[in-house]
């Protein structure tokens, strides 16, 4: 571990982030985990897919 990370940890201990910011990060992580679980175990519906229906063609 280098000096930069030690100074960053010291700053977090002396000035912790506010609870709303921590909650926001936890909510984003929970949403990402839920989307991963749906994709992994249930499957991904076709209407949510970003892939085109046909073959890719270059526009003229």
PDB file of N, CA and C in Angstrom:
ATOM      1  N   UNK A   1       0.859  -1.168   0.000  1.00  0.00           N
ATOM      2  CA  UNK A   1       0.000   0.000   0.000  1.00  0.00           C
ATOM      3  C   UNK A   1       0.907   1.233   0.000  1.00  0.00           C
ATOM      4  N   UNK A   2       0.602   2.170  -0.871  1.00  0.00           N
ATOM      5  CA  UNK A   2       1.467   3.341  -0.959  1.00  0.00           C
ATOM      6  C   UNK A   2       0.935   4.494  -0.111  1.00  0.00           C
ATOM      7  N   UNK A   3       1.699   5.563  -0.074  1.00  0.00           N
ATOM      8  CA  UNK A   3       1.384   6.711   0.774  1.00  0.00           C
ATOM      9  C   UNK A   3       0.067   7.377   0.367  1.00  0.00           C
ATOM     10  N   UNK A   4      -0.232   7.393  -0.920  1.00  0.00           N
ATOM     11  CA  UNK A   4      -1.473   8.023  -1.390  1.00  0.00           C
ATOM     12  C   UNK A   4      -2.700   7.369  -0.753  1.00  0.00           C
ATOM     13  N   UNK A   5      -2.743   6.049  -0.727  1.00  0.00           N
ATOM     14  CA  UNK A   5      -3.903   5.363  -0.162  1.00  0.00           C
ATOM     15  C   UNK A   5      -3.968   5.530   1.346  1.00  0.00           C
ATOM     16  N   UNK A   6      -2.824   5.576   2.011  1.00  0.00           N
ATOM     17  CA  UNK A   6      -2.834   5.818   3.457  1.00  0.00           C
ATOM     18  C   UNK A   6      -3.373   7.211   3.778  1.00  0.00           C
ATOM     19  N   UNK A   7      -2.986   8.203   3.000  1.00  0.00           N
ATOM     20  CA  UNK A   7      -3.512   9.552   3.220  1.00  0.00           C
ATOM     21  C   UNK A   7      -5.006   9.621   2.919  1.00  0.00           C
ATOM     22  N   UNK A   8      -5.446   8.893   1.912  1.00  0.00           N
ATOM     23  CA  UNK A   8      -6.877   8.871   1.593  1.00  0.00           C
ATOM     24  C   UNK A   8      -7.678   8.211   2.723  1.00  0.00           C
ATOM     25  N   UNK A   9      -7.156   7.114   3.280  1.00  0.00           N
ATOM     26  CA  UNK A   9      -7.841   6.466   4.404  1.00  0.00           C
ATOM     27  C   UNK A   9      -7.883   7.386   5.618  1.00  0.00           C
ATOM     28  N   UNK A  10      -6.788   8.123   5.865  1.00  0.00           N
ATOM     29  CA  UNK A  10      -6.762   9.058   6.983  1.00  0.00           C
ATOM     30  C   UNK A  10      -7.829  10.136   6.802  1.00  0.00           C
ATOM     31  N   UNK A  11      -7.979  10.617   5.576  1.00  0.00           N
ATOM     32  CA  UNK A  11      -8.985  11.648   5.308  1.00  0.00           C
ATOM     33  C   UNK A  11     -10.398  11.108   5.532  1.00  0.00           C
ATOM     34  N   UNK A  12     -10.652   9.858   5.118  1.00  0.00           N
ATOM     35  CA  UNK A  12     -11.977   9.265   5.325  1.00  0.00           C
ATOM     36  C   UNK A  12     -12.275   9.076   6.802  1.00  0.00           C
ATOM     37  N   UNK A  13     -11.251   8.754   7.602  1.00  0.00           N
ATOM     38  CA  UNK A  13     -11.473   8.581   9.040  1.00  0.00           C
ATOM     39  C   UNK A  13     -11.753   9.925   9.698  1.00  0.00           C
ATOM     40  N   UNK A  14     -11.027  10.959   9.294  1.00  0.00           N
ATOM     41  CA  UNK A  14     -11.218  12.273   9.902  1.00  0.00           C
ATOM     42  C   UNK A  14     -12.479  12.970   9.399  1.00  0.00           C
ATOM     43  N   UNK A  15     -12.846  12.758   8.148  1.00  0.00           N
ATOM     44  CA  UNK A  15     -14.026  13.380   7.549  1.00  0.00           C
ATOM     45  C   UNK A  15     -14.831  12.308   6.820  1.00  0.00           C
ATOM     46  N   UNK A  16     -15.626  11.528   7.554  1.00  0.00           N
ATOM     47  CA  UNK A  16     -16.383  10.452   6.887  1.00  0.00           C
ATOM     48  C   UNK A  16     -17.455  11.030   5.958  1.00  0.00           C
ATOM     49  N   UNK A  17     -17.835  10.253   4.930  1.00  0.00           N
ATOM     50  CA  UNK A  17     -18.880  10.730   4.019  1.00  0.00           C
ATOM     51  C   UNK A  17     -20.223  10.796   4.737  1.00  0.00           C
ATOM     52  N   UNK A  18     -21.105  11.646   4.221  1.00  0.00           N
ATOM     53  CA  UNK A  18     -22.401  11.781   4.879  1.00  0.00           C
ATOM     54  C   UNK A  18     -23.254  10.539   4.630  1.00  0.00           C
ATOM     55  N   UNK A  19     -24.210  10.276   5.508  1.00  0.00           N
ATOM     56  CA  UNK A  19     -25.034   9.058   5.381  1.00  0.00           C
ATOM     57  C   UNK A  19     -25.841   8.992   4.085  1.00  0.00           C
ATOM     58  N   UNK A  20     -26.274  10.135   3.551  1.00  0.00           N
ATOM     59  CA  UNK A  20     -27.035  10.106   2.297  1.00  0.00           C
ATOM     60  C   UNK A  20     -26.170   9.635   1.140  1.00  0.00           C
ATOM     61  N   UNK A  21     -24.920  10.044   1.116  1.00  0.00           N
ATOM     62  CA  UNK A  21     -24.011   9.595   0.058  1.00  0.00           C
ATOM     63  C   UNK A  21     -23.736   8.112   0.145  1.00  0.00           C
ATOM     64  N   UNK A  22     -23.562   7.623   1.379  1.00  0.00           N
ATOM     65  CA  UNK A  22     -23.339   6.186   1.575  1.00  0.00           C
ATOM     66  C   UNK A  22     -24.576   5.409   1.146  1.00  0.00           C
ATOM     67  N   UNK A  23     -25.760   5.914   1.490  1.00  0.00           N
ATOM     68  CA  UNK A  23     -27.002   5.236   1.111  1.00  0.00           C
ATOM     69  C   UNK A  23     -27.172   5.220  -0.403  1.00  0.00           C
ATOM     70  N   UNK A  24     -26.815   6.301  -1.071  1.00  0.00           N
ATOM     71  CA  UNK A  24     -26.907   6.353  -2.527  1.00  0.00           C
ATOM     72  C   UNK A  24     -26.019   5.292  -3.168  1.00  0.00           C
ATOM     73  N   UNK A  25     -24.799   5.159  -2.680  1.00  0.00           N
ATOM     74  CA  UNK A  25     -23.891   4.146  -3.223  1.00  0.00           C
ATOM     75  C   UNK A  25     -24.445   2.748  -2.972  1.00  0.00           C
ATOM     76  N   UNK A  26     -24.978   2.501  -1.786  1.00  0.00           N
ATOM     77  CA  UNK A  26     -25.543   1.183  -1.480  1.00  0.00           C
ATOM     78  C   UNK A  26     -26.757   0.868  -2.358  1.00  0.00           C
ATOM     79  N   UNK A  27     -27.591   1.858  -2.642  1.00  0.00           N
ATOM     80  CA  UNK A  27     -28.756   1.642  -3.506  1.00  0.00           C
ATOM     81  C   UNK A  27     -28.312   1.323  -4.929  1.00  0.00           C
ATOM     82  N   UNK A  28     -27.315   2.032  -5.427  1.00  0.00           N
ATOM     83  CA  UNK A  28     -26.821   1.766  -6.781  1.00  0.00           C
ATOM     84  C   UNK A  28     -26.227   0.365  -6.867  1.00  0.00           C
ATOM     85  N   UNK A  29     -25.473  -0.045  -5.853  1.00  0.00           N
ATOM     86  CA  UNK A  29     -24.898  -1.393  -5.840  1.00  0.00           C
ATOM     87  C   UNK A  29     -26.006  -2.441  -5.773  1.00  0.00           C
ATOM     88  N   UNK A  30     -27.057  -2.190  -4.989  1.00  0.00           N
ATOM     89  CA  UNK A  30     -28.165  -3.142  -4.885  1.00  0.00           C
ATOM     90  C   UNK A  30     -28.916  -3.270  -6.213  1.00  0.00           C
ATOM     91  N   UNK A  31     -29.128  -2.163  -6.913  1.00  0.00           N
ATOM     92  CA  UNK A  31     -29.807  -2.215  -8.214  1.00  0.00           C
ATOM     93  C   UNK A  31     -28.967  -2.993  -9.220  1.00  0.00           C
ATOM     94  N   UNK A  32     -27.665  -2.758  -9.215  1.00  0.00           N
ATOM     95  CA  UNK A  32     -26.783  -3.499 -10.126  1.00  0.00           C
ATOM     96  C   UNK A  32     -26.790  -4.989  -9.803  1.00  0.00           C
ATOM     97  N   UNK A  33     -26.782  -5.337  -8.525  1.00  0.00           N
ATOM     98  CA  UNK A  33     -26.823  -6.747  -8.137  1.00  0.00           C
ATOM     99  C   UNK A  33     -28.150  -7.387  -8.539  1.00  0.00           C
ATOM    100  N   UNK A  34     -29.247  -6.648  -8.414  1.00  0.00           N
ATOM    101  CA  UNK A  34     -30.549  -7.185  -8.817  1.00  0.00           C
ATOM    102  C   UNK A  34     -30.605  -7.409 -10.326  1.00  0.00           C
ATOM    103  N   UNK A  35     -30.097  -6.470 -11.105  1.00  0.00           N
ATOM    104  CA  UNK A  35     -30.068  -6.662 -12.558  1.00  0.00           C
ATOM    105  C   UNK A  35     -29.191  -7.840 -12.951  1.00  0.00           C
ATOM    106  N   UNK A  36     -28.074  -8.009 -12.280  1.00  0.00           N
ATOM    107  CA  UNK A  36     -27.207  -9.150 -12.556  1.00  0.00           C
ATOM    108  C   UNK A  36     -27.917 -10.459 -12.230  1.00  0.00           C
ATOM    109  N   UNK A  37     -28.630 -10.508 -11.090  1.00  0.00           N
ATOM    110  CA  UNK A  37     -29.339 -11.726 -10.704  1.00  0.00           C
ATOM    111  C   UNK A  37     -30.445 -12.059 -11.699  1.00  0.00           C
ATOM    112  N   UNK A  38     -31.169 -11.055 -12.163  1.00  0.00           N
ATOM    113  CA  UNK A  38     -32.225 -11.296 -13.151  1.00  0.00           C
ATOM    114  C   UNK A  38     -31.622 -11.834 -14.437  1.00  0.00           C
ATOM    115  N   UNK A  39     -30.545 -11.215 -14.889  1.00  0.00           N
ATOM    116  CA  UNK A  39     -29.924 -11.666 -16.135  1.00  0.00           C
ATOM    117  C   UNK A  39     -29.344 -13.062 -15.987  1.00  0.00           C
ATOM    118  N   UNK A  40     -28.788 -13.363 -14.848  1.00  0.00           N
ATOM    119  CA  UNK A  40     -28.094 -14.641 -14.652  1.00  0.00           C
ATOM    120  C   UNK A  40     -29.068 -15.810 -14.463  1.00  0.00           C
ATOM    121  N   UNK A  41     -30.105 -15.626 -13.645  1.00  0.00           N
ATOM    122  CA  UNK A  41     -30.954 -16.753 -13.254  1.00  0.00           C
ATOM    123  C   UNK A  41     -32.293 -16.801 -13.975  1.00  0.00           C
ATOM    124  N   UNK A  42     -32.852 -15.679 -14.332  1.00  0.00           N
ATOM    125  CA  UNK A  42     -34.162 -15.657 -14.973  1.00  0.00           C
ATOM    126  C   UNK A  42     -34.015 -15.562 -16.481  1.00  0.00           C
ATOM    127  N   UNK A  43     -33.058 -14.804 -16.924  1.00  0.00           N
ATOM    128  CA  UNK A  43     -32.876 -14.567 -18.350  1.00  0.00           C
ATOM    129  C   UNK A  43     -33.180 -13.119 -18.669  1.00  0.00           C
ATOM    130  N   UNK A  44     -32.731 -12.693 -19.792  1.00  0.00           N
ATOM    131  CA  UNK A  44     -32.930 -11.307 -20.193  1.00  0.00           C
ATOM    132  C   UNK A  44     -33.987 -11.254 -21.278  1.00  0.00           C
ATOM    133  N   UNK A  45     -35.071 -10.490 -21.096  1.00  0.00           N
ATOM    134  CA  UNK A  45     -36.110 -10.432 -22.123  1.00  0.00           C
ATOM    135  C   UNK A  45     -35.592  -9.772 -23.400  1.00  0.00           C
ATOM    136  N   UNK A  46     -36.139 -10.194 -24.524  1.00  0.00           N
ATOM    137  CA  UNK A  46     -35.699  -9.663 -25.812  1.00  0.00           C
ATOM    138  C   UNK A  46     -35.987  -8.170 -25.959  1.00  0.00           C
ATOM    139  N   UNK A  47     -37.070  -7.695 -25.355  1.00  0.00           N
ATOM    140  CA  UNK A  47     -37.416  -6.292 -25.514  1.00  0.00           C
ATOM    141  C   UNK A  47     -36.455  -5.373 -24.770  1.00  0.00           C
ATOM    142  N   UNK A  48     -35.661  -5.910 -23.846  1.00  0.00           N
ATOM    143  CA  UNK A  48     -34.675  -5.095 -23.139  1.00  0.00           C
ATOM    144  C   UNK A  48     -33.298  -5.178 -23.777  1.00  0.00           C
ATOM    145  N   UNK A  49     -33.172  -5.953 -24.809  1.00  0.00           N
ATOM    146  CA  UNK A  49     -31.882  -6.136 -25.463  1.00  0.00           C
ATOM    147  C   UNK A  49     -31.585  -4.963 -26.388  1.00  0.00           C
ATOM    148  N   UNK A  50     -30.321  -4.579 -26.445  1.00  0.00           N
ATOM    149  CA  UNK A  50     -29.908  -3.478 -27.318  1.00  0.00           C
ATOM    150  C   UNK A  50     -29.419  -3.982 -28.664  1.00  0.00           C
ATOM    151  N   UNK A  51     -29.418  -5.275 -28.870  1.00  0.00           N
ATOM    152  CA  UNK A  51     -28.936  -5.844 -30.120  1.00  0.00           C
ATOM    153  C   UNK A  51     -30.002  -5.698 -31.205  1.00  0.00           C
ATOM    154  N   UNK A  52     -29.601  -5.396 -32.424  1.00  0.00           N
ATOM    155  CA  UNK A  52     -30.588  -5.274 -33.505  1.00  0.00           C
ATOM    156  C   UNK A  52     -31.144  -6.643 -33.893  1.00  0.00           C
ATOM    157  N   UNK A  53     -32.307  -6.623 -34.543  1.00  0.00           N
ATOM    158  CA  UNK A  53     -32.947  -7.875 -34.950  1.00  0.00           C
ATOM    159  C   UNK A  53     -32.229  -8.536 -36.110  1.00  0.00           C
ATOM    160  N   UNK A  54     -31.808  -7.770 -37.076  1.00  0.00           N
ATOM    161  CA  UNK A  54     -31.183  -8.320 -38.275  1.00  0.00           C
ATOM    162  C   UNK A  54     -29.674  -8.151 -38.254  1.00  0.00           C
ATOM    163  N   UNK A  55     -29.072  -8.507 -39.385  1.00  0.00           N
ATOM    164  CA  UNK A  55     -27.616  -8.353 -39.463  1.00  0.00           C
ATOM    165  C   UNK A  55     -27.225  -6.877 -39.521  1.00  0.00           C
ATOM    166  N   UNK A  56     -26.040  -6.587 -39.048  1.00  0.00           N
ATOM    167  CA  UNK A  56     -25.540  -5.210 -39.062  1.00  0.00           C
ATOM    168  C   UNK A  56     -25.164  -4.817 -40.486  1.00  0.00           C
ATOM    169  N   UNK A  57     -25.619  -3.653 -40.927  1.00  0.00           N
ATOM    170  CA  UNK A  57     -25.252  -3.134 -42.241  1.00  0.00           C
ATOM    171  C   UNK A  57     -24.736  -1.718 -42.075  1.00  0.00           C
ATOM    172  N   UNK A  58     -23.835  -1.365 -42.927  1.00  0.00           N
ATOM    173  CA  UNK A  58     -23.296  -0.008 -42.915  1.00  0.00           C
ATOM    174  C   UNK A  58     -24.297   0.927 -43.590  1.00  0.00           C
ATOM    175  N   UNK A  59     -24.597   2.091 -42.981  1.00  0.00           N
ATOM    176  CA  UNK A  59     -25.501   3.041 -43.652  1.00  0.00           C
ATOM    177  C   UNK A  59     -24.818   3.670 -44.859  1.00  0.00           C
ATOM    178  N   UNK A  60     -25.623   3.979 -45.876  1.00  0.00           N
ATOM    179  CA  UNK A  60     -25.066   4.580 -47.100  1.00  0.00           C
ATOM    180  C   UNK A  60     -25.162   6.073 -47.053  1.00  0.00           C
TER     181      UNK A  60
END
